[in-house]
Amino acid sequence: MATIEIDGDGFEEAREVIKKLQGFPKVVEAVIERHLKGIERKTKLTAPVDSGALRDSIKSLGARIAGDLISGEIEVGVPYASFVEKRVGFLNDEIEDEVSALFKDIKEAFEKLMR
């Protein structure tokens, strides 16, 4: 086991960093929520429409924090969604673009938090 000793001068600085980091999961959760809504909006715009059921079933289920894991989920609630996705590909492009922006925003949020 490693032991870390912090002298009197560094202790306050370390405490401030730890205090800032405690809020980081909530910041990340908010960033993920924003990008999930973006994926939902963009996917609804690109989803093929016959009856509109596929498009209307696309919903962001939000972000969740469970221990060290922060996750988000988009639901496409019709049973034939995977077949349409394989044939038309209405999800992947939107998700890839949004995930790229998500990581950029998380990095910026971390840098802002640490200032």
PDB file of N, CA and C in Angstrom:
ATOM      1  N   MET A   1       0.844  -1.169   0.000  1.00  0.00           N
ATOM      2  CA  MET A   1       0.000   0.000   0.000  1.00  0.00           C
ATOM      3  C   MET A   1       0.894   1.239   0.000  1.00  0.00           C
ATOM      4  N   ALA A   2       0.500   2.239  -0.773  1.00  0.00           N
ATOM      5  CA  ALA A   2       1.265   3.481  -0.840  1.00  0.00           C
ATOM      6  C   ALA A   2       0.709   4.489   0.149  1.00  0.00           C
ATOM      7  N   THR A   3       1.579   5.265   0.699  1.00  0.00           N
ATOM      8  CA  THR A   3       1.184   6.319   1.624  1.00  0.00           C
ATOM      9  C   THR A   3       1.598   7.647   1.031  1.00  0.00           C
ATOM     10  N   ILE A   4       0.682   8.595   1.078  1.00  0.00           N
ATOM     11  CA  ILE A   4       0.980   9.930   0.570  1.00  0.00           C
ATOM     12  C   ILE A   4       0.932  10.887   1.743  1.00  0.00           C
ATOM     13  N   GLU A   5       2.004  11.629   1.909  1.00  0.00           N
ATOM     14  CA  GLU A   5       2.046  12.631   2.968  1.00  0.00           C
ATOM     15  C   GLU A   5       1.964  14.007   2.327  1.00  0.00           C
ATOM     16  N   ILE A   6       1.123  14.834   2.902  1.00  0.00           N
ATOM     17  CA  ILE A   6       0.956  16.189   2.392  1.00  0.00           C
ATOM     18  C   ILE A   6       1.394  17.141   3.495  1.00  0.00           C
ATOM     19  N   ASP A   7       2.351  18.004   3.155  1.00  0.00           N
ATOM     20  CA  ASP A   7       2.813  18.949   4.173  1.00  0.00           C
ATOM     21  C   ASP A   7       1.767  20.034   4.392  1.00  0.00           C
ATOM     22  N   GLY A   8       1.971  20.846   5.363  1.00  0.00           N
ATOM     23  CA  GLY A   8       1.013  21.891   5.731  1.00  0.00           C
ATOM     24  C   GLY A   8       0.672  22.828   4.596  1.00  0.00           C
ATOM     25  N   ASP A   9       1.652  23.156   3.751  1.00  0.00           N
ATOM     26  CA  ASP A   9       1.396  24.092   2.653  1.00  0.00           C
ATOM     27  C   ASP A   9       0.532  23.467   1.571  1.00  0.00           C
ATOM     28  N   GLY A  10       0.733  22.192   1.286  1.00  0.00           N
ATOM     29  CA  GLY A  10      -0.001  21.535   0.196  1.00  0.00           C
ATOM     30  C   GLY A  10      -1.362  21.017   0.607  1.00  0.00           C
ATOM     31  N   PHE A  11      -1.604  20.928   1.911  1.00  0.00           N
ATOM     32  CA  PHE A  11      -2.845  20.326   2.379  1.00  0.00           C
ATOM     33  C   PHE A  11      -4.076  21.123   1.963  1.00  0.00           C
ATOM     34  N   GLU A  12      -4.042  22.411   2.117  1.00  0.00           N
ATOM     35  CA  GLU A  12      -5.194  23.248   1.744  1.00  0.00           C
ATOM     36  C   GLU A  12      -5.471  23.161   0.251  1.00  0.00           C
ATOM     37  N   GLU A  13      -4.418  23.172  -0.547  1.00  0.00           N
ATOM     38  CA  GLU A  13      -4.577  23.067  -1.995  1.00  0.00           C
ATOM     39  C   GLU A  13      -5.189  21.713  -2.359  1.00  0.00           C
ATOM     40  N   ALA A  14      -4.710  20.651  -1.742  1.00  0.00           N
ATOM     41  CA  ALA A  14      -5.247  19.315  -2.001  1.00  0.00           C
ATOM     42  C   ALA A  14      -6.712  19.242  -1.590  1.00  0.00           C
ATOM     43  N   ARG A  15      -7.045  19.827  -0.460  1.00  0.00           N
ATOM     44  CA  ARG A  15      -8.431  19.825   0.003  1.00  0.00           C
ATOM     45  C   ARG A  15      -9.341  20.556  -0.993  1.00  0.00           C
ATOM     46  N   GLU A  16      -8.871  21.659  -1.529  1.00  0.00           N
ATOM     47  CA  GLU A  16      -9.656  22.402  -2.520  1.00  0.00           C
ATOM     48  C   GLU A  16      -9.884  21.581  -3.792  1.00  0.00           C
ATOM     49  N   VAL A  17      -8.846  20.887  -4.243  1.00  0.00           N
ATOM     50  CA  VAL A  17      -8.983  20.039  -5.440  1.00  0.00           C
ATOM     51  C   VAL A  17     -10.000  18.933  -5.181  1.00  0.00           C
ATOM     52  N   ILE A  18      -9.901  18.282  -4.042  1.00  0.00           N
ATOM     53  CA  ILE A  18     -10.843  17.206  -3.698  1.00  0.00           C
ATOM     54  C   ILE A  18     -12.263  17.748  -3.629  1.00  0.00           C
ATOM     55  N   LYS A  19     -12.427  18.907  -3.044  1.00  0.00           N
ATOM     56  CA  LYS A  19     -13.750  19.530  -2.934  1.00  0.00           C
ATOM     57  C   LYS A  19     -14.337  19.810  -4.322  1.00  0.00           C
ATOM     58  N   LYS A  20     -13.508  20.328  -5.226  1.00  0.00           N
ATOM     59  CA  LYS A  20     -13.966  20.595  -6.588  1.00  0.00           C
ATOM     60  C   LYS A  20     -14.349  19.312  -7.306  1.00  0.00           C
ATOM     61  N   LEU A  21     -13.541  18.273  -7.143  1.00  0.00           N
ATOM     62  CA  LEU A  21     -13.788  17.013  -7.843  1.00  0.00           C
ATOM     63  C   LEU A  21     -15.061  16.316  -7.368  1.00  0.00           C
ATOM     64  N   GLN A  22     -15.474  16.558  -6.145  1.00  0.00           N
ATOM     65  CA  GLN A  22     -16.696  15.927  -5.646  1.00  0.00           C
ATOM     66  C   GLN A  22     -17.919  16.346  -6.462  1.00  0.00           C
ATOM     67  N   GLY A  23     -17.902  17.524  -7.024  1.00  0.00           N
ATOM     68  CA  GLY A  23     -19.019  17.992  -7.838  1.00  0.00           C
ATOM     69  C   GLY A  23     -18.946  17.567  -9.290  1.00  0.00           C
ATOM     70  N   PHE A  24     -17.832  16.970  -9.686  1.00  0.00           N
ATOM     71  CA  PHE A  24     -17.635  16.660 -11.098  1.00  0.00           C
ATOM     72  C   PHE A  24     -18.643  15.649 -11.656  1.00  0.00           C
ATOM     73  N   PRO A  25     -19.014  14.580 -10.934  1.00  0.00           N
ATOM     74  CA  PRO A  25     -20.004  13.659 -11.508  1.00  0.00           C
ATOM     75  C   PRO A  25     -21.317  14.340 -11.890  1.00  0.00           C
ATOM     76  N   LYS A  26     -21.783  15.280 -11.085  1.00  0.00           N
ATOM     77  CA  LYS A  26     -23.026  15.991 -11.409  1.00  0.00           C
ATOM     78  C   LYS A  26     -22.850  16.875 -12.641  1.00  0.00           C
ATOM     79  N   VAL A  27     -21.668  17.461 -12.782  1.00  0.00           N
ATOM     80  CA  VAL A  27     -21.376  18.275 -13.963  1.00  0.00           C
ATOM     81  C   VAL A  27     -21.405  17.389 -15.206  1.00  0.00           C
ATOM     82  N   VAL A  28     -20.769  16.229 -15.127  1.00  0.00           N
ATOM     83  CA  VAL A  28     -20.743  15.296 -16.262  1.00  0.00           C
ATOM     84  C   VAL A  28     -22.159  14.809 -16.569  1.00  0.00           C
ATOM     85  N   GLU A  29     -22.921  14.528 -15.542  1.00  0.00           N
ATOM     86  CA  GLU A  29     -24.304  14.078 -15.745  1.00  0.00           C
ATOM     87  C   GLU A  29     -25.099  15.124 -16.529  1.00  0.00           C
ATOM     88  N   ALA A  30     -24.937  16.393 -16.203  1.00  0.00           N
ATOM     89  CA  ALA A  30     -25.639  17.469 -16.909  1.00  0.00           C
ATOM     90  C   ALA A  30     -25.183  17.564 -18.362  1.00  0.00           C
ATOM     91  N   VAL A  31     -23.889  17.395 -18.607  1.00  0.00           N
ATOM     92  CA  VAL A  31     -23.361  17.431 -19.980  1.00  0.00           C
ATOM     93  C   VAL A  31     -23.936  16.262 -20.776  1.00  0.00           C
ATOM     94  N   ILE A  32     -23.969  15.074 -20.180  1.00  0.00           N
ATOM     95  CA  ILE A  32     -24.524  13.907 -20.871  1.00  0.00           C
ATOM     96  C   ILE A  32     -26.003  14.128 -21.178  1.00  0.00           C
ATOM     97  N   GLU A  33     -26.751  14.657 -20.214  1.00  0.00           N
ATOM     98  CA  GLU A  33     -28.176  14.940 -20.431  1.00  0.00           C
ATOM     99  C   GLU A  33     -28.375  15.845 -21.652  1.00  0.00           C
ATOM    100  N   ARG A  34     -27.567  16.886 -21.736  1.00  0.00           N
ATOM    101  CA  ARG A  34     -27.681  17.827 -22.854  1.00  0.00           C
ATOM    102  C   ARG A  34     -27.417  17.129 -24.188  1.00  0.00           C
ATOM    103  N   HIS A  35     -26.400  16.279 -24.212  1.00  0.00           N
ATOM    104  CA  HIS A  35     -26.072  15.596 -25.464  1.00  0.00           C
ATOM    105  C   HIS A  35     -27.068  14.487 -25.801  1.00  0.00           C
ATOM    106  N   LEU A  36     -27.662  13.863 -24.799  1.00  0.00           N
ATOM    107  CA  LEU A  36     -28.716  12.883 -25.074  1.00  0.00           C
ATOM    108  C   LEU A  36     -29.900  13.558 -25.756  1.00  0.00           C
ATOM    109  N   LYS A  37     -30.249  14.736 -25.273  1.00  0.00           N
ATOM    110  CA  LYS A  37     -31.341  15.490 -25.907  1.00  0.00           C
ATOM    111  C   LYS A  37     -30.980  15.851 -27.351  1.00  0.00           C
ATOM    112  N   GLY A  38     -29.699  16.163 -27.582  1.00  0.00           N
ATOM    113  CA  GLY A  38     -29.247  16.444 -28.950  1.00  0.00           C
ATOM    114  C   GLY A  38     -29.358  15.227 -29.841  1.00  0.00           C
ATOM    115  N   ILE A  39     -28.969  14.070 -29.323  1.00  0.00           N
ATOM    116  CA  ILE A  39     -29.090  12.822 -30.098  1.00  0.00           C
ATOM    117  C   ILE A  39     -30.561  12.541 -30.393  1.00  0.00           C
ATOM    118  N   GLU A  40     -31.407  12.701 -29.393  1.00  0.00           N
ATOM    119  CA  GLU A  40     -32.842  12.473 -29.592  1.00  0.00           C
ATOM    120  C   GLU A  40     -33.397  13.383 -30.685  1.00  0.00           C
ATOM    121  N   ARG A  41     -33.078  14.668 -30.590  1.00  0.00           N
ATOM    122  CA  ARG A  41     -33.583  15.649 -31.570  1.00  0.00           C
ATOM    123  C   ARG A  41     -33.088  15.332 -32.979  1.00  0.00           C
ATOM    124  N   LYS A  42     -31.779  15.091 -33.123  1.00  0.00           N
ATOM    125  CA  LYS A  42     -31.213  14.838 -34.448  1.00  0.00           C
ATOM    126  C   LYS A  42     -31.701  13.513 -35.027  1.00  0.00           C
ATOM    127  N   THR A  43     -31.836  12.506 -34.183  1.00  0.00           N
ATOM    128  CA  THR A  43     -32.281  11.202 -34.655  1.00  0.00           C
ATOM    129  C   THR A  43     -33.728  11.263 -35.123  1.00  0.00           C
ATOM    130  N   LYS A  44     -34.550  12.018 -34.422  1.00  0.00           N
ATOM    131  CA  LYS A  44     -35.940  12.171 -34.856  1.00  0.00           C
ATOM    132  C   LYS A  44     -36.021  12.855 -36.221  1.00  0.00           C
ATOM    133  N   LEU A  45     -35.076  13.751 -36.478  1.00  0.00           N
ATOM    134  CA  LEU A  45     -35.076  14.440 -37.773  1.00  0.00           C
ATOM    135  C   LEU A  45     -34.650  13.532 -38.921  1.00  0.00           C
ATOM    136  N   THR A  46     -33.780  12.549 -38.626  1.00  0.00           N
ATOM    137  CA  THR A  46     -33.258  11.696 -39.693  1.00  0.00           C
ATOM    138  C   THR A  46     -33.946  10.336 -39.777  1.00  0.00           C
ATOM    139  N   ALA A  47     -34.803  10.020 -38.816  1.00  0.00           N
ATOM    140  CA  ALA A  47     -35.491   8.723 -38.829  1.00  0.00           C
ATOM    141  C   ALA A  47     -36.461   8.661 -39.999  1.00  0.00           C
ATOM    142  N   PRO A  48     -36.489   7.529 -40.703  1.00  0.00           N
ATOM    143  CA  PRO A  48     -37.461   7.383 -41.783  1.00  0.00           C
ATOM    144  C   PRO A  48     -38.884   7.391 -41.212  1.00  0.00           C
ATOM    145  N   VAL A  49     -39.807   7.953 -41.963  1.00  0.00           N
ATOM    146  CA  VAL A  49     -41.175   8.083 -41.469  1.00  0.00           C
ATOM    147  C   VAL A  49     -42.143   7.424 -42.439  1.00  0.00           C
ATOM    148  N   ASP A  50     -42.913   6.489 -41.902  1.00  0.00           N
ATOM    149  CA  ASP A  50     -44.042   5.916 -42.620  1.00  0.00           C
ATOM    150  C   ASP A  50     -45.285   6.323 -41.844  1.00  0.00           C
ATOM    151  N   SER A  51     -45.467   5.718 -40.700  1.00  0.00           N
ATOM    152  CA  SER A  51     -46.595   6.090 -39.838  1.00  0.00           C
ATOM    153  C   SER A  51     -46.183   7.122 -38.792  1.00  0.00           C
ATOM    154  N   GLY A  52     -44.875   7.270 -38.563  1.00  0.00           N
ATOM    155  CA  GLY A  52     -44.368   8.178 -37.537  1.00  0.00           C
ATOM    156  C   GLY A  52     -44.126   7.493 -36.202  1.00  0.00           C
ATOM    157  N   ALA A  53     -44.479   6.212 -36.105  1.00  0.00           N
ATOM    158  CA  ALA A  53     -44.322   5.498 -34.826  1.00  0.00           C
ATOM    159  C   ALA A  53     -42.856   5.369 -34.435  1.00  0.00           C
ATOM    160  N   LEU A  54     -41.985   5.081 -35.388  1.00  0.00           N
ATOM    161  CA  LEU A  54     -40.552   4.947 -35.097  1.00  0.00           C
ATOM    162  C   LEU A  54     -40.012   6.268 -34.563  1.00  0.00           C
ATOM    163  N   ARG A  55     -40.241   7.325 -35.296  1.00  0.00           N
ATOM    164  CA  ARG A  55     -39.756   8.650 -34.887  1.00  0.00           C
ATOM    165  C   ARG A  55     -40.299   9.044 -33.514  1.00  0.00           C
ATOM    166  N   ASP A  56     -41.586   8.819 -33.298  1.00  0.00           N
ATOM    167  CA  ASP A  56     -42.213   9.209 -32.036  1.00  0.00           C
ATOM    168  C   ASP A  56     -41.751   8.364 -30.855  1.00  0.00           C
ATOM    169  N   SER A  57     -41.177   7.186 -31.123  1.00  0.00           N
ATOM    170  CA  SER A  57     -40.741   6.307 -30.031  1.00  0.00           C
ATOM    171  C   SER A  57     -39.325   6.616 -29.548  1.00  0.00           C
ATOM    172  N   ILE A  58     -38.625   7.524 -30.212  1.00  0.00           N
ATOM    173  CA  ILE A  58     -37.253   7.869 -29.840  1.00  0.00           C
ATOM    174  C   ILE A  58     -37.297   8.813 -28.638  1.00  0.00           C
ATOM    175  N   LYS A  59     -36.678   8.358 -27.534  1.00  0.00           N
ATOM    176  CA  LYS A  59     -36.719   9.148 -26.305  1.00  0.00           C
ATOM    177  C   LYS A  59     -35.402   9.046 -25.549  1.00  0.00           C
ATOM    178  N   SER A  60     -34.981  10.161 -25.006  1.00  0.00           N
ATOM    179  CA  SER A  60     -33.838  10.176 -24.101  1.00  0.00           C
ATOM    180  C   SER A  60     -34.333   9.736 -22.733  1.00  0.00           C
ATOM    181  N   LEU A  61     -33.667   8.744 -22.152  1.00  0.00           N
ATOM    182  CA  LEU A  61     -34.044   8.262 -20.824  1.00  0.00           C
ATOM    183  C   LEU A  61     -33.195   8.915 -19.745  1.00  0.00           C
ATOM    184  N   GLY A  62     -32.316   9.814 -20.148  1.00  0.00           N
ATOM    185  CA  GLY A  62     -31.535  10.565 -19.193  1.00  0.00           C
ATOM    186  C   GLY A  62     -30.234   9.900 -18.784  1.00  0.00           C
ATOM    187  N   ALA A  63     -29.492  10.611 -17.976  1.00  0.00           N
ATOM    188  CA  ALA A  63     -28.199  10.139 -17.482  1.00  0.00           C
ATOM    189  C   ALA A  63     -28.371   9.647 -16.058  1.00  0.00           C
ATOM    190  N   ARG A  64     -27.515   8.695 -15.681  1.00  0.00           N
ATOM    191  CA  ARG A  64     -27.553   8.141 -14.339  1.00  0.00           C
ATOM    192  C   ARG A  64     -26.140   7.981 -13.802  1.00  0.00           C
ATOM    193  N   ILE A  65     -26.004   8.166 -12.494  1.00  0.00           N
ATOM    194  CA  ILE A  65     -24.735   7.928 -11.811  1.00  0.00           C
ATOM    195  C   ILE A  65     -24.933   6.710 -10.922  1.00  0.00           C
ATOM    196  N   ALA A  66     -24.070   5.716 -11.097  1.00  0.00           N
ATOM    197  CA  ALA A  66     -24.100   4.507 -10.250  1.00  0.00           C
ATOM    198  C   ALA A  66     -22.653   4.169  -9.900  1.00  0.00           C
ATOM    199  N   GLY A  67     -22.233   4.562  -8.724  1.00  0.00           N
ATOM    200  CA  GLY A  67     -20.843   4.334  -8.326  1.00  0.00           C
ATOM    201  C   GLY A  67     -19.908   5.151  -9.187  1.00  0.00           C
ATOM    202  N   ASP A  68     -18.966   4.478  -9.844  1.00  0.00           N
ATOM    203  CA  ASP A  68     -18.009   5.153 -10.722  1.00  0.00           C
ATOM    204  C   ASP A  68     -18.522   5.310 -12.147  1.00  0.00           C
ATOM    205  N   LEU A  69     -19.687   4.774 -12.435  1.00  0.00           N
ATOM    206  CA  LEU A  69     -20.227   4.770 -13.795  1.00  0.00           C
ATOM    207  C   LEU A  69     -21.252   5.877 -13.973  1.00  0.00           C
ATOM    208  N   ILE A  70     -21.067   6.666 -15.011  1.00  0.00           N
ATOM    209  CA  ILE A  70     -22.052   7.665 -15.408  1.00  0.00           C
ATOM    210  C   ILE A  70     -22.491   7.265 -16.804  1.00  0.00           C
ATOM    211  N   SER A  71     -23.781   7.020 -16.981  1.00  0.00           N
ATOM    212  CA  SER A  71     -24.250   6.526 -18.275  1.00  0.00           C
ATOM    213  C   SER A  71     -25.477   7.286 -18.725  1.00  0.00           C
ATOM    214  N   GLY A  72     -25.761   7.163 -19.991  1.00  0.00           N
ATOM    215  CA  GLY A  72     -26.947   7.762 -20.573  1.00  0.00           C
ATOM    216  C   GLY A  72     -27.566   6.786 -21.548  1.00  0.00           C
ATOM    217  N   GLU A  73     -28.854   6.956 -21.790  1.00  0.00           N
ATOM    218  CA  GLU A  73     -29.535   5.992 -22.643  1.00  0.00           C
ATOM    219  C   GLU A  73     -30.564   6.683 -23.527  1.00  0.00           C
ATOM    220  N   ILE A  74     -30.606   6.220 -24.772  1.00  0.00           N
ATOM    221  CA  ILE A  74     -31.641   6.621 -25.727  1.00  0.00           C
ATOM    222  C   ILE A  74     -32.444   5.373 -26.036  1.00  0.00           C
ATOM    223  N   GLU A  75     -33.752   5.490 -25.983  1.00  0.00           N
ATOM    224  CA  GLU A  75     -34.610   4.351 -26.301  1.00  0.00           C
ATOM    225  C   GLU A  75     -35.311   4.586 -27.628  1.00  0.00           C
ATOM    226  N   VAL A  76     -35.333   3.574 -28.448  1.00  0.00           N
ATOM    227  CA  VAL A  76     -36.160   3.576 -29.652  1.00  0.00           C
ATOM    228  C   VAL A  76     -37.151   2.447 -29.408  1.00  0.00           C
ATOM    229  N   GLY A  77     -38.390   2.821 -29.108  1.00  0.00           N
ATOM    230  CA  GLY A  77     -39.329   1.893 -28.498  1.00  0.00           C
ATOM    231  C   GLY A  77     -40.215   1.058 -29.399  1.00  0.00           C
ATOM    232  N   VAL A  78     -39.912   0.971 -30.661  1.00  0.00           N
ATOM    233  CA  VAL A  78     -40.703   0.071 -31.506  1.00  0.00           C
ATOM    234  C   VAL A  78     -39.891  -1.187 -31.783  1.00  0.00           C
ATOM    235  N   PRO A  79     -40.547  -2.346 -31.872  1.00  0.00           N
ATOM    236  CA  PRO A  79     -39.811  -3.606 -32.007  1.00  0.00           C
ATOM    237  C   PRO A  79     -39.002  -3.735 -33.298  1.00  0.00           C
ATOM    238  N   TYR A  80     -39.349  -2.998 -34.320  1.00  0.00           N
ATOM    239  CA  TYR A  80     -38.668  -3.119 -35.605  1.00  0.00           C
ATOM    240  C   TYR A  80     -37.535  -2.104 -35.794  1.00  0.00           C
ATOM    241  N   ALA A  81     -37.202  -1.356 -34.754  1.00  0.00           N
ATOM    242  CA  ALA A  81     -36.186  -0.297 -34.863  1.00  0.00           C
ATOM    243  C   ALA A  81     -34.833  -0.833 -35.319  1.00  0.00           C
ATOM    244  N   SER A  82     -34.404  -1.970 -34.795  1.00  0.00           N
ATOM    245  CA  SER A  82     -33.085  -2.494 -35.169  1.00  0.00           C
ATOM    246  C   SER A  82     -33.030  -2.883 -36.640  1.00  0.00           C
ATOM    247  N   PHE A  83     -34.136  -3.359 -37.189  1.00  0.00           N
ATOM    248  CA  PHE A  83     -34.169  -3.711 -38.612  1.00  0.00           C
ATOM    249  C   PHE A  83     -34.045  -2.468 -39.482  1.00  0.00           C
ATOM    250  N   VAL A  84     -34.746  -1.411 -39.086  1.00  0.00           N
ATOM    251  CA  VAL A  84     -34.670  -0.150 -39.840  1.00  0.00           C
ATOM    252  C   VAL A  84     -33.270   0.430 -39.719  1.00  0.00           C
ATOM    253  N   GLU A  85     -32.675   0.369 -38.531  1.00  0.00           N
ATOM    254  CA  GLU A  85     -31.320   0.886 -38.335  1.00  0.00           C
ATOM    255  C   GLU A  85     -30.327   0.151 -39.226  1.00  0.00           C
ATOM    256  N   LYS A  86     -30.429  -1.158 -39.301  1.00  0.00           N
ATOM    257  CA  LYS A  86     -29.515  -1.936 -40.146  1.00  0.00           C
ATOM    258  C   LYS A  86     -29.683  -1.585 -41.620  1.00  0.00           C
ATOM    259  N   ARG A  87     -30.899  -1.319 -42.033  1.00  0.00           N
ATOM    260  CA  ARG A  87     -31.177  -1.024 -43.432  1.00  0.00           C
ATOM    261  C   ARG A  87     -30.877   0.426 -43.804  1.00  0.00           C
ATOM    262  N   VAL A  88     -31.234   1.347 -42.923  1.00  0.00           N
ATOM    263  CA  VAL A  88     -31.160   2.772 -43.256  1.00  0.00           C
ATOM    264  C   VAL A  88     -30.030   3.487 -42.521  1.00  0.00           C
ATOM    265  N   GLY A  89     -29.732   3.070 -41.299  1.00  0.00           N
ATOM    266  CA  GLY A  89     -28.652   3.695 -40.526  1.00  0.00           C
ATOM    267  C   GLY A  89     -28.975   5.073 -40.006  1.00  0.00           C
ATOM    268  N   PHE A  90     -30.116   5.255 -39.376  1.00  0.00           N
ATOM    269  CA  PHE A  90     -30.516   6.585 -38.903  1.00  0.00           C
ATOM    270  C   PHE A  90     -29.940   6.959 -37.544  1.00  0.00           C
ATOM    271  N   LEU A  91     -29.321   6.017 -36.835  1.00  0.00           N
ATOM    272  CA  LEU A  91     -28.806   6.314 -35.494  1.00  0.00           C
ATOM    273  C   LEU A  91     -27.314   6.604 -35.450  1.00  0.00           C
ATOM    274  N   ASN A  92     -26.509   5.773 -36.071  1.00  0.00           N
ATOM    275  CA  ASN A  92     -25.052   5.810 -35.864  1.00  0.00           C
ATOM    276  C   ASN A  92     -24.391   7.141 -36.167  1.00  0.00           C
ATOM    277  N   ASP A  93     -24.716   7.760 -37.275  1.00  0.00           N
ATOM    278  CA  ASP A  93     -24.059   9.032 -37.619  1.00  0.00           C
ATOM    279  C   ASP A  93     -24.354  10.104 -36.575  1.00  0.00           C
ATOM    280  N   GLU A  94     -25.596  10.179 -36.152  1.00  0.00           N
ATOM    281  CA  GLU A  94     -25.976  11.193 -35.170  1.00  0.00           C
ATOM    282  C   GLU A  94     -25.277  10.941 -33.837  1.00  0.00           C
ATOM    283  N   ILE A  95     -25.190   9.684 -33.449  1.00  0.00           N
ATOM    284  CA  ILE A  95     -24.557   9.339 -32.174  1.00  0.00           C
ATOM    285  C   ILE A  95     -23.065   9.645 -32.218  1.00  0.00           C
ATOM    286  N   GLU A  96     -22.389   9.267 -33.297  1.00  0.00           N
ATOM    287  CA  GLU A  96     -20.948   9.509 -33.396  1.00  0.00           C
ATOM    288  C   GLU A  96     -20.622  10.995 -33.315  1.00  0.00           C
ATOM    289  N   ASP A  97     -21.351  11.828 -34.029  1.00  0.00           N
ATOM    290  CA  ASP A  97     -21.117  13.278 -33.995  1.00  0.00           C
ATOM    291  C   ASP A  97     -21.331  13.836 -32.590  1.00  0.00           C
ATOM    292  N   GLU A  98     -22.390  13.395 -31.941  1.00  0.00           N
ATOM    293  CA  GLU A  98     -22.727  13.918 -30.623  1.00  0.00           C
ATOM    294  C   GLU A  98     -21.747  13.429 -29.558  1.00  0.00           C
ATOM    295  N   VAL A  99     -21.279  12.195 -29.662  1.00  0.00           N
ATOM    296  CA  VAL A  99     -20.323  11.663 -28.686  1.00  0.00           C
ATOM    297  C   VAL A  99     -19.004  12.419 -28.775  1.00  0.00           C
ATOM    298  N   SER A 100     -18.589  12.753 -29.974  1.00  0.00           N
ATOM    299  CA  SER A 100     -17.370  13.532 -30.147  1.00  0.00           C
ATOM    300  C   SER A 100     -17.499  14.878 -29.427  1.00  0.00           C
ATOM    301  N   ALA A 101     -18.630  15.537 -29.600  1.00  0.00           N
ATOM    302  CA  ALA A 101     -18.874  16.814 -28.931  1.00  0.00           C
ATOM    303  C   ALA A 101     -19.015  16.620 -27.420  1.00  0.00           C
ATOM    304  N   LEU A 102     -19.577  15.505 -27.000  1.00  0.00           N
ATOM    305  CA  LEU A 102     -19.730  15.202 -25.580  1.00  0.00           C
ATOM    306  C   LEU A 102     -18.378  15.154 -24.875  1.00  0.00           C
ATOM    307  N   PHE A 103     -17.421  14.429 -25.436  1.00  0.00           N
ATOM    308  CA  PHE A 103     -16.105  14.331 -24.811  1.00  0.00           C
ATOM    309  C   PHE A 103     -15.416  15.691 -24.742  1.00  0.00           C
ATOM    310  N   LYS A 104     -15.581  16.481 -25.772  1.00  0.00           N
ATOM    311  CA  LYS A 104     -15.013  17.832 -25.778  1.00  0.00           C
ATOM    312  C   LYS A 104     -15.633  18.665 -24.650  1.00  0.00           C
ATOM    313  N   ASP A 105     -16.941  18.577 -24.490  1.00  0.00           N
ATOM    314  CA  ASP A 105     -17.626  19.352 -23.448  1.00  0.00           C
ATOM    315  C   ASP A 105     -17.261  18.875 -22.039  1.00  0.00           C
ATOM    316  N   ILE A 106     -17.060  17.567 -21.863  1.00  0.00           N
ATOM    317  CA  ILE A 106     -16.642  17.055 -20.558  1.00  0.00           C
ATOM    318  C   ILE A 106     -15.254  17.580 -20.211  1.00  0.00           C
ATOM    319  N   LYS A 107     -14.367  17.569 -21.195  1.00  0.00           N
ATOM    320  CA  LYS A 107     -13.015  18.087 -20.969  1.00  0.00           C
ATOM    321  C   LYS A 107     -13.068  19.566 -20.581  1.00  0.00           C
ATOM    322  N   GLU A 108     -13.871  20.350 -21.298  1.00  0.00           N
ATOM    323  CA  GLU A 108     -14.002  21.773 -20.991  1.00  0.00           C
ATOM    324  C   GLU A 108     -14.615  21.994 -19.601  1.00  0.00           C
ATOM    325  N   ALA A 109     -15.594  21.156 -19.238  1.00  0.00           N
ATOM    326  CA  ALA A 109     -16.207  21.279 -17.918  1.00  0.00           C
ATOM    327  C   ALA A 109     -15.198  20.986 -16.822  1.00  0.00           C
ATOM    328  N   PHE A 110     -14.347  19.983 -17.036  1.00  0.00           N
ATOM    329  CA  PHE A 110     -13.323  19.650 -16.059  1.00  0.00           C
ATOM    330  C   PHE A 110     -12.320  20.793 -15.908  1.00  0.00           C
ATOM    331  N   GLU A 111     -11.897  21.343 -17.032  1.00  0.00           N
ATOM    332  CA  GLU A 111     -10.934  22.460 -16.983  1.00  0.00           C
ATOM    333  C   GLU A 111     -11.535  23.657 -16.272  1.00  0.00           C
ATOM    334  N   LYS A 112     -12.807  23.939 -16.528  1.00  0.00           N
ATOM    335  CA  LYS A 112     -13.476  25.059 -15.874  1.00  0.00           C
ATOM    336  C   LYS A 112     -13.600  24.804 -14.372  1.00  0.00           C
ATOM    337  N   LEU A 113     -13.951  23.589 -14.005  1.00  0.00           N
ATOM    338  CA  LEU A 113     -14.099  23.228 -12.601  1.00  0.00           C
ATOM    339  C   LEU A 113     -12.788  23.374 -11.837  1.00  0.00           C
ATOM    340  N   MET A 114     -11.682  23.075 -12.481  1.00  0.00           N
ATOM    341  CA  MET A 114     -10.388  23.083 -11.823  1.00  0.00           C
ATOM    342  C   MET A 114      -9.746  24.467 -11.763  1.00  0.00           C
ATOM    343  N   ARG A 115     -10.338  25.453 -12.387  1.00  0.00           N
ATOM    344  CA  ARG A 115      -9.780  26.821 -12.335  1.00  0.00           C
ATOM    345  C   ARG A 115      -9.927  27.417 -10.971  1.00  0.00           C
TER     346      ARG A 115
END
